[in-house]
């Protein structure tokens, strides 16, 4: 991740010390018990700068938020760590938020909120399976760059995954809610992460999460349905502007 950031400036924090500590603990547990900790054992995960990691700053692109380390992990970070995932880095974040440029080589990108996580994934996922936990907003903040980078992205409802411990720059604003989404190279990886997260009953960590567990029967039923794509060119009220 450090090498990739050196080429594209996509990271705000590299969590090397925590990575070494956690991987040693995982290896020691495996050596003692001959068992792994959780289904995400050893899976490298990056989180958007917005998600708190204990002992690390969460500046959100603001100088005024520097040198104020988080006192505890965000709920989503806690869930992933319990299942053996290794939080390796935090990706850069800009004050502008809505920016979808994805640069995987020099020159440096100017800290776009979406492009940074795709830079890391599009390069690193060629070597290892990396999951990206991000904040989802409007304007296809993650889906558009994911498509352009050949990656898979899940944008859940705002009350599906735990979001506590993820500060925002506009506290109190609730009419445009955010959600904790996932990005990965393989769709199967997103399925595993989603399933394992919901099996932990995350509403016990964040009361705003809907208490709806993973339902395997519903998932299997959906897999048997044919793909359907609906397109509305004009809803009779607002007509899209023609392409430019």
Protein backbone atom coordinates (compact mmCIF):
# COMPACT_ATOMS: atom_id res chain seq x y z
CA UNK A 1 0.00 0.00 0.00
CA UNK A 2 2.87 2.38 0.75
CA UNK A 3 4.39 1.73 -2.65
CA UNK A 4 1.09 2.40 -4.38
CA UNK A 5 0.57 5.63 -2.44
CA UNK A 6 4.04 6.75 -3.44
CA UNK A 7 2.88 6.61 -7.03
CA UNK A 8 -0.63 8.03 -6.67
CA UNK A 9 -0.88 9.80 -3.27
CA UNK A 10 -3.98 7.77 -2.45
CA UNK A 11 -3.42 7.14 1.28
CA UNK A 12 -3.79 9.33 4.36
CA UNK A 13 -2.43 6.79 6.85
CA UNK A 14 -0.40 3.59 6.57
CA UNK A 15 -1.04 1.42 9.61
CA UNK A 16 2.15 -0.64 9.54
CA UNK A 17 2.59 -0.88 13.30
CA UNK A 18 -0.95 -2.09 13.84
CA UNK A 19 -0.69 -4.50 10.90
CA UNK A 20 2.43 -6.17 12.31
CA UNK A 21 0.86 -6.44 15.76
CA UNK A 22 -2.39 -7.92 14.49
CA UNK A 23 -0.77 -10.38 12.10
CA UNK A 24 1.49 -11.64 14.90
CA UNK A 25 -1.57 -12.17 17.08
CA UNK A 26 -3.32 -14.04 14.28
CA UNK A 27 -0.29 -16.24 13.67
CA UNK A 28 0.18 -16.94 17.39
CA UNK A 29 -3.47 -17.95 17.73
CA UNK A 30 -3.17 -20.28 14.76
CA UNK A 31 -0.01 -21.84 16.18
CA UNK A 32 -1.62 -22.39 19.60
CA UNK A 33 -5.02 -23.66 18.53
CA UNK A 34 -4.55 -24.85 14.96
CA UNK A 35 -7.58 -22.70 14.14
CA UNK A 36 -8.05 -19.38 12.41
CA UNK A 37 -9.84 -16.35 13.82
CA UNK A 38 -12.92 -15.90 11.71
CA UNK A 39 -13.73 -16.30 8.02
CA UNK A 40 -11.83 -13.12 7.06
CA UNK A 41 -8.58 -14.37 8.56
CA UNK A 42 -5.64 -12.32 7.29
CA UNK A 43 -7.71 -10.48 4.67
CA UNK A 44 -6.17 -7.03 4.08
CA UNK A 45 -8.74 -4.26 4.36
CA UNK A 46 -8.46 -0.53 3.76
CA UNK A 47 -10.94 1.93 5.19
CA UNK A 48 -11.79 5.41 4.07
CA UNK A 49 -10.20 8.14 6.17
CA UNK A 50 -13.64 8.88 7.65
CA UNK A 51 -13.69 5.64 9.67
CA UNK A 52 -12.03 5.90 13.08
CA UNK A 53 -9.10 3.62 13.86
CA UNK A 54 -7.92 3.77 17.47
CA UNK A 55 -4.81 5.90 17.89
CA UNK A 56 -5.01 7.35 14.37
CA UNK A 57 -6.22 10.78 13.21
CA UNK A 58 -9.46 11.20 11.26
CA UNK A 59 -8.90 14.61 9.61
CA UNK A 60 -11.53 14.37 6.83
CA UNK A 61 -9.30 16.61 4.73
CA UNK A 62 -9.27 19.41 7.34
CA UNK A 63 -6.10 20.73 8.98
CA UNK A 64 -8.11 21.60 12.10
CA UNK A 65 -8.82 17.90 12.72
CA UNK A 66 -5.17 16.84 12.71
CA UNK A 67 -3.43 15.47 15.82
CA UNK A 68 -6.69 14.36 17.41
CA UNK A 69 -6.38 10.60 17.47
CA UNK A 70 -9.49 8.44 17.69
CA UNK A 71 -10.09 6.90 21.11
CA UNK A 72 -11.70 3.75 19.72
CA UNK A 73 -12.36 1.94 16.46
CA UNK A 74 -15.41 2.63 14.32
CA UNK A 75 -18.09 -0.04 14.62
CA UNK A 76 -17.36 -1.36 11.13
CA UNK A 77 -13.65 -1.64 11.93
CA UNK A 78 -14.51 -3.56 15.10
CA UNK A 79 -16.73 -6.00 13.20
CA UNK A 80 -14.07 -6.72 10.58
CA UNK A 81 -11.29 -7.14 13.15
CA UNK A 82 -13.34 -9.67 15.11
CA UNK A 83 -13.40 -11.87 12.04
CA UNK A 84 -9.66 -11.74 11.46
CA UNK A 85 -9.47 -9.00 8.82
CA UNK A 86 -6.35 -6.81 8.96
CA UNK A 87 -6.85 -3.04 8.61
CA UNK A 88 -3.82 -2.02 6.56
CA UNK A 89 -4.43 1.63 5.67
CA UNK A 90 -6.78 4.61 5.48
CA UNK A 91 -7.36 6.15 2.06
CA UNK A 92 -7.19 9.88 1.41
CA UNK A 93 -10.18 12.15 1.62
CA UNK A 94 -10.79 15.64 0.29
CA UNK A 95 -13.06 18.44 1.46
CA UNK A 96 -14.78 18.47 -1.93
CA UNK A 97 -16.14 14.92 -1.47
CA UNK A 98 -17.74 14.61 -4.94
CA UNK A 99 -14.86 13.72 -7.18
CA UNK A 100 -14.57 10.59 -9.33
CA UNK A 101 -11.16 10.84 -10.97
CA UNK A 102 -9.19 7.63 -10.58
CA UNK A 103 -5.49 7.80 -11.36
CA UNK A 104 -3.39 4.66 -11.03
CA UNK A 105 -0.10 6.25 -11.98
CA UNK A 106 1.66 9.58 -11.80
CA UNK A 107 1.02 12.46 -11.72
CA UNK A 108 -0.39 12.48 -8.18
CA UNK A 109 -4.14 12.65 -7.89
CA UNK A 110 -5.49 15.60 -5.92
CA UNK A 111 -7.00 13.60 -3.06
CA UNK A 112 -10.36 12.67 -4.60
CA UNK A 113 -12.73 10.99 -2.21
CA UNK A 114 -13.61 8.10 -4.52
CA UNK A 115 -10.59 7.78 -6.73
CA UNK A 116 -8.17 7.08 -3.88
CA UNK A 117 -9.75 3.82 -2.81
CA UNK A 118 -10.01 2.68 -6.42
CA UNK A 119 -6.36 3.49 -7.03
CA UNK A 120 -5.40 1.24 -4.15
CA UNK A 121 -7.77 -1.54 -5.15
CA UNK A 122 -7.13 -1.48 -8.88
CA UNK A 123 -3.40 -1.88 -8.34
CA UNK A 124 -3.23 -3.93 -5.14
CA UNK A 125 -5.99 -6.34 -6.10
CA UNK A 126 -3.78 -7.62 -8.88
CA UNK A 127 -1.60 -9.09 -6.12
CA UNK A 128 -3.90 -9.72 -3.17
CA UNK A 129 -7.58 -9.64 -2.36
CA UNK A 130 -8.26 -6.27 -0.77
CA UNK A 131 -11.58 -5.14 0.59
CA UNK A 132 -12.31 -1.44 0.75
CA UNK A 133 -14.74 -0.05 3.31
CA UNK A 134 -15.97 3.35 2.22
CA UNK A 135 -18.57 5.99 2.88
CA UNK A 136 -21.25 6.03 0.21
CA UNK A 137 -23.03 9.19 -0.81
CA UNK A 138 -24.99 10.39 -3.81
CA UNK A 139 -23.86 10.93 -7.42
CA UNK A 140 -22.44 7.38 -7.74
CA UNK A 141 -19.48 8.32 -5.60
CA UNK A 142 -18.19 4.76 -5.57
CA UNK A 143 -20.10 2.91 -8.27
CA UNK A 144 -18.87 5.04 -11.16
CA UNK A 145 -15.14 4.76 -10.40
CA UNK A 146 -15.64 1.07 -9.54
CA UNK A 147 -17.01 0.41 -13.01
CA UNK A 148 -14.18 2.35 -14.61
CA UNK A 149 -11.63 0.30 -12.65
CA UNK A 150 -13.20 -3.12 -13.25
CA UNK A 151 -14.07 -3.70 -9.60
CA UNK A 152 -17.18 -4.79 -7.68
CA UNK A 153 -18.99 -2.42 -5.33
CA UNK A 154 -21.90 -2.77 -2.93
CA UNK A 155 -23.91 0.28 -1.91
CA UNK A 156 -26.24 -0.83 0.90
CA UNK A 157 -29.04 1.14 2.49
CA UNK A 158 -27.86 3.72 5.03
CA UNK A 159 -29.19 1.66 7.95
CA UNK A 160 -27.81 -1.74 6.91
CA UNK A 161 -24.18 -1.59 8.08
CA UNK A 162 -22.90 0.07 11.29
CA UNK A 163 -21.78 3.65 10.73
CA UNK A 164 -20.98 4.83 14.25
CA UNK A 165 -17.42 6.01 14.66
CA UNK A 166 -17.37 7.57 11.20
CA UNK A 167 -17.37 11.36 11.72
CA UNK A 168 -18.77 13.71 9.11
CA UNK A 169 -17.95 17.33 8.33
CA UNK A 170 -21.58 18.39 8.67
CA UNK A 171 -22.77 17.01 12.00
CA UNK A 172 -26.53 17.07 12.44
CA UNK A 173 -27.37 16.78 8.76
CA UNK A 174 -29.67 13.79 8.32
CA UNK A 175 -31.67 14.37 5.13
CA UNK A 176 -28.90 12.89 2.93
CA UNK A 177 -27.72 9.84 4.93
CA UNK A 178 -24.54 7.94 4.20
CA UNK A 179 -23.78 4.24 4.37
CA UNK A 180 -20.76 2.00 4.81
CA UNK A 181 -20.22 0.27 1.48
CA UNK A 182 -17.68 -2.26 0.30
CA UNK A 183 -15.41 -2.51 -2.71
CA UNK A 184 -13.39 -5.52 -3.84
CA UNK A 185 -12.00 -7.19 -6.91
CA UNK A 186 -14.36 -10.17 -6.71
CA UNK A 187 -18.12 -10.10 -6.13
CA UNK A 188 -17.78 -13.23 -3.99
CA UNK A 189 -15.60 -11.27 -1.56
CA UNK A 190 -18.35 -8.69 -1.10
CA UNK A 191 -20.84 -11.49 -0.42
CA UNK A 192 -18.64 -12.97 2.31
CA UNK A 193 -18.00 -9.62 3.98
CA UNK A 194 -21.70 -8.70 3.91
CA UNK A 195 -22.81 -12.06 5.27
CA UNK A 196 -20.27 -12.15 8.08
CA UNK A 197 -20.98 -8.56 9.08
CA UNK A 198 -24.72 -9.21 9.40
CA UNK A 199 -24.15 -12.45 11.30
CA UNK A 200 -22.48 -10.43 14.08
CA UNK A 201 -25.76 -8.58 14.79
CA UNK A 202 -24.18 -5.15 14.16
CA UNK A 203 -27.26 -3.39 15.57
CA UNK A 204 -25.82 -4.22 18.98
CA UNK A 205 -22.88 -1.94 18.16
CA UNK A 206 -24.88 0.75 16.37
CA UNK A 207 -28.58 1.16 17.30
CA UNK A 208 -29.32 2.90 13.98
CA UNK A 209 -28.74 -0.36 12.09
CA UNK A 210 -31.88 -2.25 11.11
CA UNK A 211 -32.05 -5.52 13.11
CA UNK A 212 -32.37 -7.67 10.01
CA UNK A 213 -30.02 -10.70 9.96
CA UNK A 214 -28.54 -12.45 6.95
CA UNK A 215 -31.18 -14.66 5.33
CA UNK A 216 -29.56 -17.41 3.33
CA UNK A 217 -32.84 -18.59 1.81
CA UNK A 218 -33.57 -15.13 0.41
CA UNK A 219 -30.04 -14.85 -0.95
CA UNK A 220 -30.26 -18.21 -2.73
CA UNK A 221 -33.68 -17.33 -4.18
CA UNK A 222 -32.33 -14.09 -5.64
CA UNK A 223 -29.44 -15.97 -7.26
CA UNK A 224 -31.92 -17.97 -9.33
CA UNK A 225 -33.68 -14.92 -10.76
CA UNK A 226 -32.78 -13.69 -14.26
CA UNK A 227 -31.14 -10.29 -14.48
CA UNK A 228 -33.59 -7.49 -15.26
CA UNK A 229 -32.59 -3.94 -16.13
CA UNK A 230 -35.15 -1.14 -16.18
CA UNK A 231 -34.58 2.16 -17.98
CA UNK A 232 -36.84 5.21 -17.69
CA UNK A 233 -36.09 7.85 -20.30
CA UNK A 234 -38.82 10.25 -19.15
CA UNK A 235 -41.01 9.94 -16.05
CA UNK A 236 -43.41 12.61 -17.30
CA UNK A 237 -42.16 15.13 -14.76
CA UNK A 238 -38.43 15.55 -15.31
CA UNK A 239 -36.81 14.82 -18.65
CA UNK A 240 -33.06 14.15 -18.63
CA UNK A 241 -30.91 16.54 -20.58
CA UNK A 242 -29.61 14.96 -23.80
CA UNK A 243 -25.99 13.89 -23.93
CA UNK A 244 -23.45 16.63 -24.54
